[in-house]
């Protein structure tokens, strides 16, 4: 019974140290999460603004239209090539 106060003091000091480290790590993780969320919000707001500005731009609409026609043209060419190969193999 003579050593019980020393043992309990050691246990409580160890528990306090563990809790302090845990709380510090938790705060660091929360700060990192908050800064990550803030960066994501900044990126999202930037891309939203850019998207709205670009979608109203005639040049942007023309580029999208040209890209669409390019894709459709490639699709038609590939379809014709596949049909031609089917006719050759028959």
C-alpha atoms as a PDB file:
ATOM      1  CA  UNK A   1       0.000   0.000   0.000  1.00  0.00           C
ATOM      2  CA  UNK A   2       2.985   2.248   0.447  1.00  0.00           C
ATOM      3  CA  UNK A   3       3.674   2.383  -3.322  1.00  0.00           C
ATOM      4  CA  UNK A   4       0.067   2.869  -4.432  1.00  0.00           C
ATOM      5  CA  UNK A   5       0.239   6.711  -4.561  1.00  0.00           C
ATOM      6  CA  UNK A   6       3.388   6.533  -6.720  1.00  0.00           C
ATOM      7  CA  UNK A   7       1.821   3.984  -9.065  1.00  0.00           C
ATOM      8  CA  UNK A   8      -1.374   6.017  -9.378  1.00  0.00           C
ATOM      9  CA  UNK A   9       0.635   9.209  -9.971  1.00  0.00           C
ATOM     10  CA  UNK A  10       2.586   7.468 -12.750  1.00  0.00           C
ATOM     11  CA  UNK A  11      -0.605   6.116 -14.309  1.00  0.00           C
ATOM     12  CA  UNK A  12      -2.326   9.505 -14.206  1.00  0.00           C
ATOM     13  CA  UNK A  13       0.723  11.296 -15.623  1.00  0.00           C
ATOM     14  CA  UNK A  14       0.951   8.767 -18.449  1.00  0.00           C
ATOM     15  CA  UNK A  15      -2.768   9.093 -19.170  1.00  0.00           C
ATOM     16  CA  UNK A  16      -2.478  12.880 -19.170  1.00  0.00           C
ATOM     17  CA  UNK A  17       0.476  12.748 -21.567  1.00  0.00           C
ATOM     18  CA  UNK A  18      -1.401  10.386 -23.913  1.00  0.00           C
ATOM     19  CA  UNK A  19      -4.483  12.609 -23.875  1.00  0.00           C
ATOM     20  CA  UNK A  20      -2.361  15.711 -24.537  1.00  0.00           C
ATOM     21  CA  UNK A  21      -0.702  14.086 -27.538  1.00  0.00           C
ATOM     22  CA  UNK A  22      -4.063  12.792 -28.790  1.00  0.00           C
ATOM     23  CA  UNK A  23      -5.709  16.213 -28.460  1.00  0.00           C
ATOM     24  CA  UNK A  24      -2.782  17.894 -30.229  1.00  0.00           C
ATOM     25  CA  UNK A  25      -2.864  15.353 -33.082  1.00  0.00           C
ATOM     26  CA  UNK A  26      -6.625  15.755 -33.356  1.00  0.00           C
ATOM     27  CA  UNK A  27      -6.279  19.542 -33.575  1.00  0.00           C
ATOM     28  CA  UNK A  28      -3.576  19.218 -36.233  1.00  0.00           C
ATOM     29  CA  UNK A  29      -5.790  16.869 -38.244  1.00  0.00           C
ATOM     30  CA  UNK A  30      -8.789  19.174 -37.890  1.00  0.00           C
ATOM     31  CA  UNK A  31      -6.727  22.172 -39.004  1.00  0.00           C
ATOM     32  CA  UNK A  32      -5.459  20.222 -42.011  1.00  0.00           C
ATOM     33  CA  UNK A  33      -9.011  19.156 -42.879  1.00  0.00           C
ATOM     34  CA  UNK A  34     -10.272  22.729 -42.570  1.00  0.00           C
ATOM     35  CA  UNK A  35      -7.518  24.088 -44.814  1.00  0.00           C
ATOM     36  CA  UNK A  36      -8.191  21.309 -47.359  1.00  0.00           C
ATOM     37  CA  UNK A  37     -11.908  22.140 -47.366  1.00  0.00           C
ATOM     38  CA  UNK A  38     -11.093  25.839 -47.780  1.00  0.00           C
ATOM     39  CA  UNK A  39      -8.845  25.072 -50.774  1.00  0.00           C
ATOM     40  CA  UNK A  40     -11.553  22.880 -52.290  1.00  0.00           C
ATOM     41  CA  UNK A  41     -14.125  25.640 -51.841  1.00  0.00           C
ATOM     42  CA  UNK A  42     -11.757  28.135 -53.492  1.00  0.00           C
ATOM     43  CA  UNK A  43     -11.199  25.789 -56.425  1.00  0.00           C
ATOM     44  CA  UNK A  44     -14.905  25.078 -56.817  1.00  0.00           C
ATOM     45  CA  UNK A  45     -15.824  28.751 -56.727  1.00  0.00           C
ATOM     46  CA  UNK A  46     -13.086  29.548 -59.258  1.00  0.00           C
ATOM     47  CA  UNK A  47     -14.267  26.846 -61.653  1.00  0.00           C
ATOM     48  CA  UNK A  48     -17.902  27.870 -61.214  1.00  0.00           C
ATOM     49  CA  UNK A  49     -17.060  31.469 -62.065  1.00  0.00           C
ATOM     50  CA  UNK A  50     -14.912  30.384 -64.992  1.00  0.00           C
ATOM     51  CA  UNK A  51     -17.612  28.048 -66.218  1.00  0.00           C
ATOM     52  CA  UNK A  52     -20.285  30.729 -66.069  1.00  0.00           C
ATOM     53  CA  UNK A  53     -18.023  33.228 -67.847  1.00  0.00           C
ATOM     54  CA  UNK A  54     -17.018  30.708 -70.505  1.00  0.00           C
ATOM     55  CA  UNK A  55     -20.489  29.369 -71.094  1.00  0.00           C
ATOM     56  CA  UNK A  56     -21.630  32.891 -71.987  1.00  0.00           C
ATOM     57  CA  UNK A  57     -18.693  33.400 -74.342  1.00  0.00           C
ATOM     58  CA  UNK A  58     -19.363  32.945 -78.063  1.00  0.00           C
ATOM     59  CA  UNK A  59     -15.811  31.707 -78.633  1.00  0.00           C
ATOM     60  CA  UNK A  60     -16.266  29.059 -75.977  1.00  0.00           C
ATOM     61  CA  UNK A  61     -19.545  27.940 -77.532  1.00  0.00           C
ATOM     62  CA  UNK A  62     -17.878  27.774 -80.941  1.00  0.00           C
ATOM     63  CA  UNK A  63     -15.008  25.672 -79.533  1.00  0.00           C
ATOM     64  CA  UNK A  64     -17.466  23.293 -77.877  1.00  0.00           C
ATOM     65  CA  UNK A  65     -19.441  23.004 -81.094  1.00  0.00           C
ATOM     66  CA  UNK A  66     -16.285  22.342 -83.117  1.00  0.00           C
ATOM     67  CA  UNK A  67     -15.181  19.701 -80.617  1.00  0.00           C
ATOM     68  CA  UNK A  68     -18.586  18.058 -80.821  1.00  0.00           C
ATOM     69  CA  UNK A  69     -18.448  17.968 -84.611  1.00  0.00           C
ATOM     70  CA  UNK A  70     -14.938  16.525 -84.450  1.00  0.00           C
ATOM     71  CA  UNK A  71     -16.124  13.723 -82.189  1.00  0.00           C
ATOM     72  CA  UNK A  72     -19.154  13.013 -84.362  1.00  0.00           C
ATOM     73  CA  UNK A  73     -16.997  13.067 -87.484  1.00  0.00           C
ATOM     74  CA  UNK A  74     -14.530  10.613 -85.940  1.00  0.00           C
ATOM     75  CA  UNK A  75     -17.417   8.373 -84.911  1.00  0.00           C
ATOM     76  CA  UNK A  76     -18.836   8.372 -88.444  1.00  0.00           C
ATOM     77  CA  UNK A  77     -15.427   7.619 -89.953  1.00  0.00           C
ATOM     78  CA  UNK A  78     -14.827   4.712 -87.571  1.00  0.00           C
ATOM     79  CA  UNK A  79     -18.328   3.364 -88.204  1.00  0.00           C
ATOM     80  CA  UNK A  80     -17.757   3.450 -91.965  1.00  0.00           C
ATOM     81  CA  UNK A  81     -14.393   1.747 -91.541  1.00  0.00           C
ATOM     82  CA  UNK A  82     -15.923  -1.013 -89.429  1.00  0.00           C
ATOM     83  CA  UNK A  83     -18.695  -1.539 -91.986  1.00  0.00           C
ATOM     84  CA  UNK A  84     -16.116  -1.675 -94.803  1.00  0.00           C
ATOM     85  CA  UNK A  85     -14.076  -4.301 -92.933  1.00  0.00           C
ATOM     86  CA  UNK A  86     -17.211  -6.367 -92.347  1.00  0.00           C
ATOM     87  CA  UNK A  87     -17.957  -6.323 -96.082  1.00  0.00           C
ATOM     88  CA  UNK A  88     -14.368  -7.353 -96.901  1.00  0.00           C
ATOM     89  CA  UNK A  89     -14.414 -10.295 -94.471  1.00  0.00           C
ATOM     90  CA  UNK A  90     -17.751 -11.644 -95.772  1.00  0.00           C
END
